[in-house]
Amino acid sequence: MKSCTVDDLKKAISDHDENVHFIDVRSVGEFEKSHIEGFINIPLGSDTKAFEKFKGTTVYLICFSGGRSDMACQALDGVGFKEVLSVKGGLLVWKVKGYPVVGG
């Protein structure tokens, strides 16, 4: 399983590569309350088919603190995704660093 820091994530967002996707695996309610602009929401526990259109691209996964994104990363690794990264510390560290979010 691969991981990255929130600083790595911020750089990836600013580089804006079409082959890079950003997925928040928290619940719909958590996502609606606060998320990083440009992320889509596919909650942990969703069928891995929900991620299929991202296969063959680089995928950054985030959750609140890193646990759920680690689990999602392992699940996607298990079905053949090659470049999936879990963001260490999740949205919690992102906010501590003062990086912007949509909502609270």
PDB file of N, CA and C in Angstrom:
ATOM      1  N   MET A   1       0.844  -1.184   0.000  1.00  0.00           N
ATOM      2  CA  MET A   1       0.000   0.000   0.000  1.00  0.00           C
ATOM      3  C   MET A   1       0.888   1.245   0.000  1.00  0.00           C
ATOM      4  N   LYS A   2       0.544   2.196  -0.833  1.00  0.00           N
ATOM      5  CA  LYS A   2       1.286   3.446  -0.904  1.00  0.00           C
ATOM      6  C   LYS A   2       0.547   4.528  -0.135  1.00  0.00           C
ATOM      7  N   SER A   3       1.306   5.478   0.367  1.00  0.00           N
ATOM      8  CA  SER A   3       0.689   6.605   1.055  1.00  0.00           C
ATOM      9  C   SER A   3       1.434   7.876   0.669  1.00  0.00           C
ATOM     10  N   CYS A   4       0.874   8.998   1.055  1.00  0.00           N
ATOM     11  CA  CYS A   4       1.495  10.289   0.806  1.00  0.00           C
ATOM     12  C   CYS A   4       1.126  11.231   1.945  1.00  0.00           C
ATOM     13  N   THR A   5       1.811  12.349   2.005  1.00  0.00           N
ATOM     14  CA  THR A   5       1.511  13.359   3.013  1.00  0.00           C
ATOM     15  C   THR A   5       0.480  14.342   2.461  1.00  0.00           C
ATOM     16  N   VAL A   6      -0.082  15.152   3.331  1.00  0.00           N
ATOM     17  CA  VAL A   6      -1.007  16.179   2.857  1.00  0.00           C
ATOM     18  C   VAL A   6      -0.274  17.199   1.982  1.00  0.00           C
ATOM     19  N   ASP A   7       1.004  17.405   2.236  1.00  0.00           N
ATOM     20  CA  ASP A   7       1.781  18.314   1.392  1.00  0.00           C
ATOM     21  C   ASP A   7       1.922  17.745  -0.025  1.00  0.00           C
ATOM     22  N   ASP A   8       2.151  16.430  -0.125  1.00  0.00           N
ATOM     23  CA  ASP A   8       2.195  15.770  -1.440  1.00  0.00           C
ATOM     24  C   ASP A   8       0.851  15.918  -2.147  1.00  0.00           C
ATOM     25  N   LEU A   9      -0.229  15.744  -1.396  1.00  0.00           N
ATOM     26  CA  LEU A   9      -1.572  15.878  -1.950  1.00  0.00           C
ATOM     27  C   LEU A   9      -1.801  17.297  -2.459  1.00  0.00           C
ATOM     28  N   LYS A  10      -1.433  18.284  -1.684  1.00  0.00           N
ATOM     29  CA  LYS A  10      -1.624  19.680  -2.090  1.00  0.00           C
ATOM     30  C   LYS A  10      -0.896  19.958  -3.409  1.00  0.00           C
ATOM     31  N   LYS A  11       0.321  19.426  -3.539  1.00  0.00           N
ATOM     32  CA  LYS A  11       1.080  19.612  -4.779  1.00  0.00           C
ATOM     33  C   LYS A  11       0.379  18.917  -5.947  1.00  0.00           C
ATOM     34  N   ALA A  12      -0.116  17.702  -5.723  1.00  0.00           N
ATOM     35  CA  ALA A  12      -0.819  16.964  -6.780  1.00  0.00           C
ATOM     36  C   ALA A  12      -2.066  17.713  -7.233  1.00  0.00           C
ATOM     37  N   ILE A  13      -2.775  18.321  -6.291  1.00  0.00           N
ATOM     38  CA  ILE A  13      -3.969  19.102  -6.632  1.00  0.00           C
ATOM     39  C   ILE A  13      -3.572  20.299  -7.475  1.00  0.00           C
ATOM     40  N   SER A  14      -2.517  20.995  -7.083  1.00  0.00           N
ATOM     41  CA  SER A  14      -2.112  22.198  -7.822  1.00  0.00           C
ATOM     42  C   SER A  14      -1.526  21.854  -9.197  1.00  0.00           C
ATOM     43  N   ASP A  15      -0.962  20.647  -9.360  1.00  0.00           N
ATOM     44  CA  ASP A  15      -0.415  20.237 -10.664  1.00  0.00           C
ATOM     45  C   ASP A  15      -1.520  19.960 -11.677  1.00  0.00           C
ATOM     46  N   HIS A  16      -2.719  19.623 -11.214  1.00  0.00           N
ATOM     47  CA  HIS A  16      -3.912  19.423 -12.034  1.00  0.00           C
ATOM     48  C   HIS A  16      -3.683  18.533 -13.257  1.00  0.00           C
ATOM     49  N   ASP A  17      -3.313  17.300 -13.029  1.00  0.00           N
ATOM     50  CA  ASP A  17      -3.119  16.313 -14.086  1.00  0.00           C
ATOM     51  C   ASP A  17      -4.444  15.586 -14.326  1.00  0.00           C
ATOM     52  N   GLU A  18      -4.840  15.449 -15.597  1.00  0.00           N
ATOM     53  CA  GLU A  18      -6.119  14.795 -15.930  1.00  0.00           C
ATOM     54  C   GLU A  18      -6.153  13.321 -15.548  1.00  0.00           C
ATOM     55  N   ASN A  19      -4.991  12.711 -15.387  1.00  0.00           N
ATOM     56  CA  ASN A  19      -4.926  11.295 -15.034  1.00  0.00           C
ATOM     57  C   ASN A  19      -4.794  11.069 -13.539  1.00  0.00           C
ATOM     58  N   VAL A  20      -5.100  12.092 -12.758  1.00  0.00           N
ATOM     59  CA  VAL A  20      -5.055  12.007 -11.307  1.00  0.00           C
ATOM     60  C   VAL A  20      -6.445  12.315 -10.767  1.00  0.00           C
ATOM     61  N   HIS A  21      -6.924  11.462  -9.864  1.00  0.00           N
ATOM     62  CA  HIS A  21      -8.264  11.647  -9.295  1.00  0.00           C
ATOM     63  C   HIS A  21      -8.186  11.661  -7.776  1.00  0.00           C
ATOM     64  N   PHE A  22      -9.116  12.391  -7.185  1.00  0.00           N
ATOM     65  CA  PHE A  22      -9.129  12.609  -5.740  1.00  0.00           C
ATOM     66  C   PHE A  22     -10.466  12.141  -5.177  1.00  0.00           C
ATOM     67  N   ILE A  23     -10.401  11.169  -4.267  1.00  0.00           N
ATOM     68  CA  ILE A  23     -11.622  10.549  -3.748  1.00  0.00           C
ATOM     69  C   ILE A  23     -11.619  10.596  -2.227  1.00  0.00           C
ATOM     70  N   ASP A  24     -12.724  11.058  -1.680  1.00  0.00           N
ATOM     71  CA  ASP A  24     -12.956  11.120  -0.238  1.00  0.00           C
ATOM     72  C   ASP A  24     -13.816   9.914   0.112  1.00  0.00           C
ATOM     73  N   VAL A  25     -13.325   9.055   0.999  1.00  0.00           N
ATOM     74  CA  VAL A  25     -14.042   7.814   1.320  1.00  0.00           C
ATOM     75  C   VAL A  25     -14.849   7.904   2.613  1.00  0.00           C
ATOM     76  N   ARG A  26     -15.036   9.125   3.136  1.00  0.00           N
ATOM     77  CA  ARG A  26     -15.872   9.287   4.334  1.00  0.00           C
ATOM     78  C   ARG A  26     -17.338   9.151   3.944  1.00  0.00           C
ATOM     79  N   SER A  27     -18.210   9.152   4.938  1.00  0.00           N
ATOM     80  CA  SER A  27     -19.644   9.040   4.682  1.00  0.00           C
ATOM     81  C   SER A  27     -20.139  10.265   3.922  1.00  0.00           C
ATOM     82  N   VAL A  28     -21.296  10.136   3.304  1.00  0.00           N
ATOM     83  CA  VAL A  28     -21.892  11.245   2.570  1.00  0.00           C
ATOM     84  C   VAL A  28     -22.096  12.453   3.489  1.00  0.00           C
ATOM     85  N   GLY A  29     -22.586  12.215   4.701  1.00  0.00           N
ATOM     86  CA  GLY A  29     -22.814  13.302   5.648  1.00  0.00           C
ATOM     87  C   GLY A  29     -21.537  14.038   6.015  1.00  0.00           C
ATOM     88  N   GLU A  30     -20.470  13.287   6.265  1.00  0.00           N
ATOM     89  CA  GLU A  30     -19.180  13.915   6.587  1.00  0.00           C
ATOM     90  C   GLU A  30     -18.684  14.746   5.410  1.00  0.00           C
ATOM     91  N   PHE A  31     -18.803  14.181   4.214  1.00  0.00           N
ATOM     92  CA  PHE A  31     -18.351  14.859   3.006  1.00  0.00           C
ATOM     93  C   PHE A  31     -19.114  16.162   2.791  1.00  0.00           C
ATOM     94  N   GLU A  32     -20.434  16.107   2.951  1.00  0.00           N
ATOM     95  CA  GLU A  32     -21.257  17.302   2.738  1.00  0.00           C
ATOM     96  C   GLU A  32     -20.934  18.393   3.753  1.00  0.00           C
ATOM     97  N   LYS A  33     -20.536  17.996   4.938  1.00  0.00           N
ATOM     98  CA  LYS A  33     -20.208  18.953   5.997  1.00  0.00           C
ATOM     99  C   LYS A  33     -18.916  19.715   5.681  1.00  0.00           C
ATOM    100  N   SER A  34     -17.916  19.004   5.154  1.00  0.00           N
ATOM    101  CA  SER A  34     -16.614  19.602   4.894  1.00  0.00           C
ATOM    102  C   SER A  34     -15.795  18.683   3.995  1.00  0.00           C
ATOM    103  N   HIS A  35     -15.208  19.223   2.936  1.00  0.00           N
ATOM    104  CA  HIS A  35     -14.349  18.422   2.064  1.00  0.00           C
ATOM    105  C   HIS A  35     -13.378  19.332   1.306  1.00  0.00           C
ATOM    106  N   ILE A  36     -12.445  18.715   0.652  1.00  0.00           N
ATOM    107  CA  ILE A  36     -11.474  19.451  -0.154  1.00  0.00           C
ATOM    108  C   ILE A  36     -12.066  19.645  -1.544  1.00  0.00           C
ATOM    109  N   GLU A  37     -11.989  20.860  -2.041  1.00  0.00           N
ATOM    110  CA  GLU A  37     -12.522  21.166  -3.370  1.00  0.00           C
ATOM    111  C   GLU A  37     -11.872  20.258  -4.410  1.00  0.00           C
ATOM    112  N   GLY A  38     -12.702  19.729  -5.313  1.00  0.00           N
ATOM    113  CA  GLY A  38     -12.215  18.869  -6.379  1.00  0.00           C
ATOM    114  C   GLY A  38     -12.289  17.386  -6.069  1.00  0.00           C
ATOM    115  N   PHE A  39     -12.563  17.038  -4.808  1.00  0.00           N
ATOM    116  CA  PHE A  39     -12.702  15.636  -4.433  1.00  0.00           C
ATOM    117  C   PHE A  39     -14.115  15.163  -4.748  1.00  0.00           C
ATOM    118  N   ILE A  40     -14.233  13.886  -5.088  1.00  0.00           N
ATOM    119  CA  ILE A  40     -15.551  13.269  -5.202  1.00  0.00           C
ATOM    120  C   ILE A  40     -15.716  12.340  -4.019  1.00  0.00           C
ATOM    121  N   ASN A  41     -16.942  12.001  -3.701  1.00  0.00           N
ATOM    122  CA  ASN A  41     -17.231  11.174  -2.535  1.00  0.00           C
ATOM    123  C   ASN A  41     -17.673   9.783  -2.963  1.00  0.00           C
ATOM    124  N   ILE A  42     -16.885   8.783  -2.573  1.00  0.00           N
ATOM    125  CA  ILE A  42     -17.275   7.379  -2.707  1.00  0.00           C
ATOM    126  C   ILE A  42     -16.999   6.760  -1.335  1.00  0.00           C
ATOM    127  N   PRO A  43     -18.025   6.647  -0.494  1.00  0.00           N
ATOM    128  CA  PRO A  43     -17.820   6.159   0.876  1.00  0.00           C
ATOM    129  C   PRO A  43     -17.208   4.767   0.943  1.00  0.00           C
ATOM    130  N   LEU A  44     -16.347   4.578   1.949  1.00  0.00           N
ATOM    131  CA  LEU A  44     -15.787   3.256   2.215  1.00  0.00           C
ATOM    132  C   LEU A  44     -16.944   2.288   2.399  1.00  0.00           C
ATOM    133  N   GLY A  45     -16.819   1.121   1.828  1.00  0.00           N
ATOM    134  CA  GLY A  45     -17.895   0.136   1.895  1.00  0.00           C
ATOM    135  C   GLY A  45     -18.677   0.084   0.595  1.00  0.00           C
ATOM    136  N   SER A  46     -18.477   1.094  -0.263  1.00  0.00           N
ATOM    137  CA  SER A  46     -19.099   1.058  -1.589  1.00  0.00           C
ATOM    138  C   SER A  46     -18.477  -0.086  -2.372  1.00  0.00           C
ATOM    139  N   ASP A  47     -19.221  -0.632  -3.287  1.00  0.00           N
ATOM    140  CA  ASP A  47     -18.707  -1.683  -4.153  1.00  0.00           C
ATOM    141  C   ASP A  47     -17.474  -1.151  -4.891  1.00  0.00           C
ATOM    142  N   THR A  48     -16.436  -1.963  -5.008  1.00  0.00           N
ATOM    143  CA  THR A  48     -15.227  -1.509  -5.702  1.00  0.00           C
ATOM    144  C   THR A  48     -15.515  -1.131  -7.154  1.00  0.00           C
ATOM    145  N   LYS A  49     -16.643  -1.571  -7.697  1.00  0.00           N
ATOM    146  CA  LYS A  49     -17.024  -1.185  -9.069  1.00  0.00           C
ATOM    147  C   LYS A  49     -17.238   0.323  -9.173  1.00  0.00           C
ATOM    148  N   ALA A  50     -17.577   0.965  -8.062  1.00  0.00           N
ATOM    149  CA  ALA A  50     -17.761   2.423  -8.071  1.00  0.00           C
ATOM    150  C   ALA A  50     -16.455   3.136  -8.410  1.00  0.00           C
ATOM    151  N   PHE A  51     -15.336   2.443  -8.221  1.00  0.00           N
ATOM    152  CA  PHE A  51     -14.022   3.018  -8.493  1.00  0.00           C
ATOM    153  C   PHE A  51     -13.487   2.645  -9.871  1.00  0.00           C
ATOM    154  N   GLU A  52     -14.148   1.717 -10.562  1.00  0.00           N
ATOM    155  CA  GLU A  52     -13.631   1.147 -11.813  1.00  0.00           C
ATOM    156  C   GLU A  52     -13.193   2.189 -12.838  1.00  0.00           C
ATOM    157  N   LYS A  53     -13.942   3.267 -12.994  1.00  0.00           N
ATOM    158  CA  LYS A  53     -13.589   4.247 -14.029  1.00  0.00           C
ATOM    159  C   LYS A  53     -12.257   4.943 -13.746  1.00  0.00           C
ATOM    160  N   PHE A  54     -11.720   4.755 -12.540  1.00  0.00           N
ATOM    161  CA  PHE A  54     -10.446   5.375 -12.175  1.00  0.00           C
ATOM    162  C   PHE A  54      -9.267   4.413 -12.311  1.00  0.00           C
ATOM    163  N   LYS A  55      -9.548   3.170 -12.682  1.00  0.00           N
ATOM    164  CA  LYS A  55      -8.479   2.174 -12.837  1.00  0.00           C
ATOM    165  C   LYS A  55      -7.544   2.632 -13.950  1.00  0.00           C
ATOM    166  N   GLY A  56      -6.259   2.493 -13.729  1.00  0.00           N
ATOM    167  CA  GLY A  56      -5.281   2.926 -14.735  1.00  0.00           C
ATOM    168  C   GLY A  56      -4.847   4.374 -14.559  1.00  0.00           C
ATOM    169  N   THR A  57      -5.400   5.045 -13.546  1.00  0.00           N
ATOM    170  CA  THR A  57      -5.010   6.427 -13.253  1.00  0.00           C
ATOM    171  C   THR A  57      -4.415   6.459 -11.840  1.00  0.00           C
ATOM    172  N   THR A  58      -3.903   7.599 -11.462  1.00  0.00           N
ATOM    173  CA  THR A  58      -3.429   7.783 -10.093  1.00  0.00           C
ATOM    174  C   THR A  58      -4.604   8.254  -9.254  1.00  0.00           C
ATOM    175  N   VAL A  59      -4.821   7.598  -8.111  1.00  0.00           N
ATOM    176  CA  VAL A  59      -5.956   7.915  -7.251  1.00  0.00           C
ATOM    177  C   VAL A  59      -5.448   8.245  -5.847  1.00  0.00           C
ATOM    178  N   TYR A  60      -5.825   9.416  -5.360  1.00  0.00           N
ATOM    179  CA  TYR A  60      -5.540   9.813  -3.984  1.00  0.00           C
ATOM    180  C   TYR A  60      -6.802   9.589  -3.175  1.00  0.00           C
ATOM    181  N   LEU A  61      -6.682   8.887  -2.052  1.00  0.00           N
ATOM    182  CA  LEU A  61      -7.817   8.607  -1.176  1.00  0.00           C
ATOM    183  C   LEU A  61      -7.617   9.325   0.149  1.00  0.00           C
ATOM    184  N   ILE A  62      -8.693   9.951   0.627  1.00  0.00           N
ATOM    185  CA  ILE A  62      -8.615  10.641   1.915  1.00  0.00           C
ATOM    186  C   ILE A  62      -9.852  10.306   2.738  1.00  0.00           C
ATOM    187  N   CYS A  63      -9.676  10.356   4.059  1.00  0.00           N
ATOM    188  CA  CYS A  63     -10.789  10.221   4.998  1.00  0.00           C
ATOM    189  C   CYS A  63     -10.518  11.212   6.121  1.00  0.00           C
ATOM    190  N   PHE A  64     -11.066  10.996   7.297  1.00  0.00           N
ATOM    191  CA  PHE A  64     -10.857  11.950   8.379  1.00  0.00           C
ATOM    192  C   PHE A  64      -9.431  11.902   8.920  1.00  0.00           C
ATOM    193  N   SER A  65      -8.938  10.680   9.235  1.00  0.00           N
ATOM    194  CA  SER A  65      -7.606  10.604   9.852  1.00  0.00           C
ATOM    195  C   SER A  65      -6.656   9.608   9.188  1.00  0.00           C
ATOM    196  N   GLY A  66      -7.108   8.900   8.197  1.00  0.00           N
ATOM    197  CA  GLY A  66      -6.234   7.981   7.467  1.00  0.00           C
ATOM    198  C   GLY A  66      -6.599   6.514   7.539  1.00  0.00           C
ATOM    199  N   GLY A  67      -7.404   6.115   8.507  1.00  0.00           N
ATOM    200  CA  GLY A  67      -7.757   4.702   8.660  1.00  0.00           C
ATOM    201  C   GLY A  67      -8.611   4.156   7.535  1.00  0.00           C
ATOM    202  N   ARG A  68      -9.678   4.853   7.212  1.00  0.00           N
ATOM    203  CA  ARG A  68     -10.576   4.375   6.154  1.00  0.00           C
ATOM    204  C   ARG A  68      -9.915   4.455   4.780  1.00  0.00           C
ATOM    205  N   SER A  69      -9.111   5.501   4.561  1.00  0.00           N
ATOM    206  CA  SER A  69      -8.433   5.591   3.258  1.00  0.00           C
ATOM    207  C   SER A  69      -7.400   4.471   3.119  1.00  0.00           C
ATOM    208  N   ASP A  70      -6.762   4.061   4.223  1.00  0.00           N
ATOM    209  CA  ASP A  70      -5.852   2.909   4.183  1.00  0.00           C
ATOM    210  C   ASP A  70      -6.612   1.646   3.784  1.00  0.00           C
ATOM    211  N   MET A  71      -7.789   1.436   4.375  1.00  0.00           N
ATOM    212  CA  MET A  71      -8.588   0.253   4.058  1.00  0.00           C
ATOM    213  C   MET A  71      -9.030   0.272   2.594  1.00  0.00           C
ATOM    214  N   ALA A  72      -9.467   1.435   2.116  1.00  0.00           N
ATOM    215  CA  ALA A  72      -9.895   1.553   0.719  1.00  0.00           C
ATOM    216  C   ALA A  72      -8.714   1.319  -0.222  1.00  0.00           C
ATOM    217  N   CYS A  73      -7.561   1.830   0.143  1.00  0.00           N
ATOM    218  CA  CYS A  73      -6.350   1.649  -0.650  1.00  0.00           C
ATOM    219  C   CYS A  73      -6.011   0.165  -0.772  1.00  0.00           C
ATOM    220  N   GLN A  74      -6.068  -0.561   0.340  1.00  0.00           N
ATOM    221  CA  GLN A  74      -5.800  -1.999   0.325  1.00  0.00           C
ATOM    222  C   GLN A  74      -6.808  -2.740  -0.542  1.00  0.00           C
ATOM    223  N   ALA A  75      -8.080  -2.353  -0.451  1.00  0.00           N
ATOM    224  CA  ALA A  75      -9.120  -3.004  -1.255  1.00  0.00           C
ATOM    225  C   ALA A  75      -8.870  -2.775  -2.745  1.00  0.00           C
ATOM    226  N   LEU A  76      -8.512  -1.560  -3.120  1.00  0.00           N
ATOM    227  CA  LEU A  76      -8.275  -1.266  -4.531  1.00  0.00           C
ATOM    228  C   LEU A  76      -6.992  -1.918  -5.029  1.00  0.00           C
ATOM    229  N   ASP A  77      -5.975  -1.973  -4.190  1.00  0.00           N
ATOM    230  CA  ASP A  77      -4.755  -2.713  -4.545  1.00  0.00           C
ATOM    231  C   ASP A  77      -5.100  -4.164  -4.842  1.00  0.00           C
ATOM    232  N   GLY A  78      -6.030  -4.707  -4.067  1.00  0.00           N
ATOM    233  CA  GLY A  78      -6.426  -6.108  -4.215  1.00  0.00           C
ATOM    234  C   GLY A  78      -7.185  -6.414  -5.486  1.00  0.00           C
ATOM    235  N   VAL A  79      -7.711  -5.400  -6.152  1.00  0.00           N
ATOM    236  CA  VAL A  79      -8.439  -5.627  -7.413  1.00  0.00           C
ATOM    237  C   VAL A  79      -7.690  -5.020  -8.604  1.00  0.00           C
ATOM    238  N   GLY A  80      -6.389  -4.824  -8.430  1.00  0.00           N
ATOM    239  CA  GLY A  80      -5.557  -4.479  -9.568  1.00  0.00           C
ATOM    240  C   GLY A  80      -5.269  -3.018  -9.835  1.00  0.00           C
ATOM    241  N   PHE A  81      -5.645  -2.134  -8.927  1.00  0.00           N
ATOM    242  CA  PHE A  81      -5.279  -0.731  -9.117  1.00  0.00           C
ATOM    243  C   PHE A  81      -3.780  -0.605  -8.875  1.00  0.00           C
ATOM    244  N   LYS A  82      -3.090   0.138  -9.712  1.00  0.00           N
ATOM    245  CA  LYS A  82      -1.633   0.219  -9.613  1.00  0.00           C
ATOM    246  C   LYS A  82      -1.141   1.434  -8.842  1.00  0.00           C
ATOM    247  N   GLU A  83      -1.806   2.564  -8.967  1.00  0.00           N
ATOM    248  CA  GLU A  83      -1.305   3.794  -8.354  1.00  0.00           C
ATOM    249  C   GLU A  83      -2.383   4.415  -7.471  1.00  0.00           C
ATOM    250  N   VAL A  84      -2.535   3.855  -6.279  1.00  0.00           N
ATOM    251  CA  VAL A  84      -3.506   4.345  -5.308  1.00  0.00           C
ATOM    252  C   VAL A  84      -2.740   4.767  -4.062  1.00  0.00           C
ATOM    253  N   LEU A  85      -3.004   5.987  -3.593  1.00  0.00           N
ATOM    254  CA  LEU A  85      -2.293   6.507  -2.428  1.00  0.00           C
ATOM    255  C   LEU A  85      -3.274   6.929  -1.348  1.00  0.00           C
ATOM    256  N   SER A  86      -2.986   6.536  -0.134  1.00  0.00           N
ATOM    257  CA  SER A  86      -3.766   6.943   1.029  1.00  0.00           C
ATOM    258  C   SER A  86      -3.078   8.161   1.652  1.00  0.00           C
ATOM    259  N   VAL A  87      -3.854   9.191   1.942  1.00  0.00           N
ATOM    260  CA  VAL A  87      -3.294  10.417   2.516  1.00  0.00           C
ATOM    261  C   VAL A  87      -3.130  10.247   4.023  1.00  0.00           C
ATOM    262  N   LYS A  88      -1.867  10.245   4.475  1.00  0.00           N
ATOM    263  CA  LYS A  88      -1.556  10.061   5.899  1.00  0.00           C
ATOM    264  C   LYS A  88      -2.111  11.220   6.725  1.00  0.00           C
ATOM    265  N   GLY A  89      -2.857  10.886   7.768  1.00  0.00           N
ATOM    266  CA  GLY A  89      -3.416  11.909   8.656  1.00  0.00           C
ATOM    267  C   GLY A  89      -4.718  12.491   8.173  1.00  0.00           C
ATOM    268  N   GLY A  90      -5.060  12.254   6.911  1.00  0.00           N
ATOM    269  CA  GLY A  90      -6.341  12.647   6.346  1.00  0.00           C
ATOM    270  C   GLY A  90      -6.694  14.119   6.447  1.00  0.00           C
ATOM    271  N   LEU A  91      -7.991  14.360   6.452  1.00  0.00           N
ATOM    272  CA  LEU A  91      -8.522  15.720   6.495  1.00  0.00           C
ATOM    273  C   LEU A  91      -8.144  16.423   7.792  1.00  0.00           C
ATOM    274  N   LEU A  92      -7.942  15.668   8.839  1.00  0.00           N
ATOM    275  CA  LEU A  92      -7.542  16.233  10.120  1.00  0.00           C
ATOM    276  C   LEU A  92      -6.221  17.001   9.979  1.00  0.00           C
ATOM    277  N   VAL A  93      -5.210  16.370   9.407  1.00  0.00           N
ATOM    278  CA  VAL A  93      -3.912  17.024   9.229  1.00  0.00           C
ATOM    279  C   VAL A  93      -4.018  18.130   8.180  1.00  0.00           C
ATOM    280  N   TRP A  94      -4.803  17.903   7.124  1.00  0.00           N
ATOM    281  CA  TRP A  94      -5.027  18.924   6.089  1.00  0.00           C
ATOM    282  C   TRP A  94      -5.516  20.224   6.742  1.00  0.00           C
ATOM    283  N   LYS A  95      -6.501  20.097   7.629  1.00  0.00           N
ATOM    284  CA  LYS A  95      -7.052  21.283   8.302  1.00  0.00           C
ATOM    285  C   LYS A  95      -6.057  21.896   9.290  1.00  0.00           C
ATOM    286  N   VAL A  96      -5.307  21.055  10.020  1.00  0.00           N
ATOM    287  CA  VAL A  96      -4.305  21.553  10.966  1.00  0.00           C
ATOM    288  C   VAL A  96      -3.278  22.414  10.233  1.00  0.00           C
ATOM    289  N   LYS A  97      -2.937  22.025   9.014  1.00  0.00           N
ATOM    290  CA  LYS A  97      -1.975  22.784   8.217  1.00  0.00           C
ATOM    291  C   LYS A  97      -2.582  24.080   7.684  1.00  0.00           C
ATOM    292  N   GLY A  98      -3.890  24.233   7.840  1.00  0.00           N
ATOM    293  CA  GLY A  98      -4.546  25.452   7.368  1.00  0.00           C
ATOM    294  C   GLY A  98      -4.890  25.450   5.894  1.00  0.00           C
ATOM    295  N   TYR A  99      -4.868  24.264   5.271  1.00  0.00           N
ATOM    296  CA  TYR A  99      -5.220  24.168   3.864  1.00  0.00           C
ATOM    297  C   TYR A  99      -6.741  24.323   3.715  1.00  0.00           C
ATOM    298  N   PRO A 100      -7.178  24.831   2.567  1.00  0.00           N
ATOM    299  CA  PRO A 100      -8.610  25.171   2.410  1.00  0.00           C
ATOM    300  C   PRO A 100      -9.530  23.965   2.270  1.00  0.00           C
ATOM    301  N   VAL A 101     -10.750  24.132   2.800  1.00  0.00           N
ATOM    302  CA  VAL A 101     -11.807  23.143   2.643  1.00  0.00           C
ATOM    303  C   VAL A 101     -13.100  23.867   2.266  1.00  0.00           C
ATOM    304  N   VAL A 102     -14.002  23.103   1.676  1.00  0.00           N
ATOM    305  CA  VAL A 102     -15.338  23.598   1.400  1.00  0.00           C
ATOM    306  C   VAL A 102     -16.181  23.260   2.612  1.00  0.00           C
ATOM    307  N   GLY A 103     -16.851  24.207   3.197  1.00  0.00           N
ATOM    308  CA  GLY A 103     -17.631  23.964   4.411  1.00  0.00           C
ATOM    309  C   GLY A 103     -16.771  24.152   5.647  1.00  0.00           C
ATOM    310  N   GLY A 104     -17.227  23.584   6.772  1.00  0.00           N
ATOM    311  CA  GLY A 104     -16.550  23.761   8.056  1.00  0.00           C
ATOM    312  C   GLY A 104     -15.349  22.951   8.171  1.00  0.00           C
TER     313      GLY A 104
END
